């Protein structure tokens, strides 16, 4: 099994991008964008999670089976979130 040698420069660049995105998340908390607040923050969080999975968990340089397992994990997370939110929104306390 061969491994991909990633230069330290790539890790430092990804770390710097993550720090900038964290700063943007904090700054977004101080602005009232209405409904777009949650959209902006979730978008930044998804970008940060994608960078962490791809580079720090070495999925970017892995074989296709690893990609399938990661995609399956995200699909399962999506199923759990959809089922949980469908139950939550079907509750009677939301009807006023």
C-alpha atoms as a PDB file:
ATOM      1  CA  UNK A   1       0.000   0.000   0.000  1.00  0.00           C
ATOM      2  CA  UNK A   2       1.516   3.288  -1.067  1.00  0.00           C
ATOM      3  CA  UNK A   3       0.798   6.549   0.671  1.00  0.00           C
ATOM      4  CA  UNK A   4       0.653  10.034  -0.758  1.00  0.00           C
ATOM      5  CA  UNK A   5       3.295  12.390   0.627  1.00  0.00           C
ATOM      6  CA  UNK A   6       1.674  15.762   1.159  1.00  0.00           C
ATOM      7  CA  UNK A   7       3.933  18.796   1.618  1.00  0.00           C
ATOM      8  CA  UNK A   8       3.634  20.721   4.861  1.00  0.00           C
ATOM      9  CA  UNK A   9       2.798  23.805   2.824  1.00  0.00           C
ATOM     10  CA  UNK A  10      -0.565  22.265   1.901  1.00  0.00           C
ATOM     11  CA  UNK A  11      -1.438  21.651   5.552  1.00  0.00           C
ATOM     12  CA  UNK A  12      -0.482  25.188   6.523  1.00  0.00           C
ATOM     13  CA  UNK A  13      -2.533  26.594   3.640  1.00  0.00           C
ATOM     14  CA  UNK A  14      -5.598  24.552   4.617  1.00  0.00           C
ATOM     15  CA  UNK A  15      -5.121  25.591   8.246  1.00  0.00           C
ATOM     16  CA  UNK A  16      -4.954  29.260   7.209  1.00  0.00           C
ATOM     17  CA  UNK A  17      -8.128  28.865   5.145  1.00  0.00           C
ATOM     18  CA  UNK A  18      -9.863  27.238   8.123  1.00  0.00           C
ATOM     19  CA  UNK A  19      -8.818  30.128  10.369  1.00  0.00           C
ATOM     20  CA  UNK A  20     -10.141  32.684   7.866  1.00  0.00           C
ATOM     21  CA  UNK A  21     -13.427  30.797   7.631  1.00  0.00           C
ATOM     22  CA  UNK A  22     -13.643  30.661  11.436  1.00  0.00           C
ATOM     23  CA  UNK A  23     -13.097  34.421  11.539  1.00  0.00           C
ATOM     24  CA  UNK A  24     -15.866  34.864   8.949  1.00  0.00           C
ATOM     25  CA  UNK A  25     -18.187  32.708  11.050  1.00  0.00           C
ATOM     26  CA  UNK A  26     -17.558  34.874  14.103  1.00  0.00           C
ATOM     27  CA  UNK A  27     -18.080  38.040  12.070  1.00  0.00           C
ATOM     28  CA  UNK A  28     -21.322  36.680  10.640  1.00  0.00           C
ATOM     29  CA  UNK A  29     -22.629  36.300  14.191  1.00  0.00           C
ATOM     30  CA  UNK A  30     -22.460  40.076  14.678  1.00  0.00           C
ATOM     31  CA  UNK A  31     -24.555  40.944  11.619  1.00  0.00           C
ATOM     32  CA  UNK A  32     -28.303  40.506  11.417  1.00  0.00           C
ATOM     33  CA  UNK A  33     -28.957  39.073   7.981  1.00  0.00           C
ATOM     34  CA  UNK A  34     -32.368  37.722   8.884  1.00  0.00           C
ATOM     35  CA  UNK A  35     -33.060  34.335   7.348  1.00  0.00           C
ATOM     36  CA  UNK A  36     -29.737  34.404   5.510  1.00  0.00           C
ATOM     37  CA  UNK A  37     -27.797  34.244   8.790  1.00  0.00           C
ATOM     38  CA  UNK A  38     -28.264  30.499   9.111  1.00  0.00           C
ATOM     39  CA  UNK A  39     -27.568  29.967   5.407  1.00  0.00           C
ATOM     40  CA  UNK A  40     -24.254  31.834   5.584  1.00  0.00           C
ATOM     41  CA  UNK A  41     -23.101  30.095   8.754  1.00  0.00           C
ATOM     42  CA  UNK A  42     -24.090  26.607   7.555  1.00  0.00           C
ATOM     43  CA  UNK A  43     -22.371  27.204   4.213  1.00  0.00           C
ATOM     44  CA  UNK A  44     -19.155  28.184   5.958  1.00  0.00           C
ATOM     45  CA  UNK A  45     -19.431  25.152   8.243  1.00  0.00           C
ATOM     46  CA  UNK A  46     -19.921  22.789   5.294  1.00  0.00           C
ATOM     47  CA  UNK A  47     -16.863  24.235   3.543  1.00  0.00           C
ATOM     48  CA  UNK A  48     -14.782  23.833   6.697  1.00  0.00           C
ATOM     49  CA  UNK A  49     -15.969  20.256   7.243  1.00  0.00           C
ATOM     50  CA  UNK A  50     -15.202  19.401   3.627  1.00  0.00           C
ATOM     51  CA  UNK A  51     -11.652  20.744   3.934  1.00  0.00           C
ATOM     52  CA  UNK A  52     -11.068  18.804   7.139  1.00  0.00           C
ATOM     53  CA  UNK A  53     -12.375  15.563   5.666  1.00  0.00           C
ATOM     54  CA  UNK A  54     -10.468  15.924   2.405  1.00  0.00           C
ATOM     55  CA  UNK A  55      -7.084  17.016   3.706  1.00  0.00           C
ATOM     56  CA  UNK A  56      -6.691  16.266   7.409  1.00  0.00           C
ATOM     57  CA  UNK A  57      -8.451  12.901   7.165  1.00  0.00           C
ATOM     58  CA  UNK A  58      -6.563  12.130   3.932  1.00  0.00           C
ATOM     59  CA  UNK A  59      -9.685  11.255   1.967  1.00  0.00           C
ATOM     60  CA  UNK A  60      -8.536  13.288  -1.032  1.00  0.00           C
ATOM     61  CA  UNK A  61      -5.656  10.908  -1.662  1.00  0.00           C
ATOM     62  CA  UNK A  62      -7.504   7.701  -0.757  1.00  0.00           C
ATOM     63  CA  UNK A  63      -8.881   5.009  -3.001  1.00  0.00           C
ATOM     64  CA  UNK A  64     -12.479   4.867  -4.251  1.00  0.00           C
ATOM     65  CA  UNK A  65     -13.663   2.558  -1.474  1.00  0.00           C
ATOM     66  CA  UNK A  66     -12.826   5.213   1.114  1.00  0.00           C
ATOM     67  CA  UNK A  67     -14.781   7.769  -0.932  1.00  0.00           C
ATOM     68  CA  UNK A  68     -17.776   5.410  -0.977  1.00  0.00           C
ATOM     69  CA  UNK A  69     -17.604   4.914   2.796  1.00  0.00           C
ATOM     70  CA  UNK A  70     -17.394   8.672   3.420  1.00  0.00           C
ATOM     71  CA  UNK A  71     -20.278   9.331   1.018  1.00  0.00           C
ATOM     72  CA  UNK A  72     -22.290   6.616   2.769  1.00  0.00           C
ATOM     73  CA  UNK A  73     -21.626   8.268   6.118  1.00  0.00           C
ATOM     74  CA  UNK A  74     -22.871  11.604   4.844  1.00  0.00           C
ATOM     75  CA  UNK A  75     -25.915   9.970   3.249  1.00  0.00           C
ATOM     76  CA  UNK A  76     -26.733   8.297   6.568  1.00  0.00           C
ATOM     77  CA  UNK A  77     -26.342  11.639   8.366  1.00  0.00           C
ATOM     78  CA  UNK A  78     -28.735  13.205   5.859  1.00  0.00           C
ATOM     79  CA  UNK A  79     -31.293  10.419   6.438  1.00  0.00           C
ATOM     80  CA  UNK A  80     -31.099  10.901  10.203  1.00  0.00           C
ATOM     81  CA  UNK A  81     -31.484  14.665   9.917  1.00  0.00           C
ATOM     82  CA  UNK A  82     -34.454  14.403   7.550  1.00  0.00           C
ATOM     83  CA  UNK A  83     -36.234  11.881   9.765  1.00  0.00           C
ATOM     84  CA  UNK A  84     -35.574  13.899  12.913  1.00  0.00           C
ATOM     85  CA  UNK A  85     -36.724  17.158  11.367  1.00  0.00           C
ATOM     86  CA  UNK A  86     -39.819  15.562   9.843  1.00  0.00           C
ATOM     87  CA  UNK A  87     -40.807  14.326  13.304  1.00  0.00           C
ATOM     88  CA  UNK A  88     -40.042  17.706  14.866  1.00  0.00           C
ATOM     89  CA  UNK A  89     -42.079  19.672  12.330  1.00  0.00           C
ATOM     90  CA  UNK A  90     -45.004  17.232  12.576  1.00  0.00           C
ATOM     91  CA  UNK A  91     -45.439  17.949  16.298  1.00  0.00           C
ATOM     92  CA  UNK A  92     -48.521  19.823  17.451  1.00  0.00           C
ATOM     93  CA  UNK A  93     -46.729  22.541  19.391  1.00  0.00           C
ATOM     94  CA  UNK A  94     -45.646  24.310  16.221  1.00  0.00           C
ATOM     95  CA  UNK A  95     -49.229  25.075  15.205  1.00  0.00           C
ATOM     96  CA  UNK A  96     -50.335  28.354  16.769  1.00  0.00           C
END
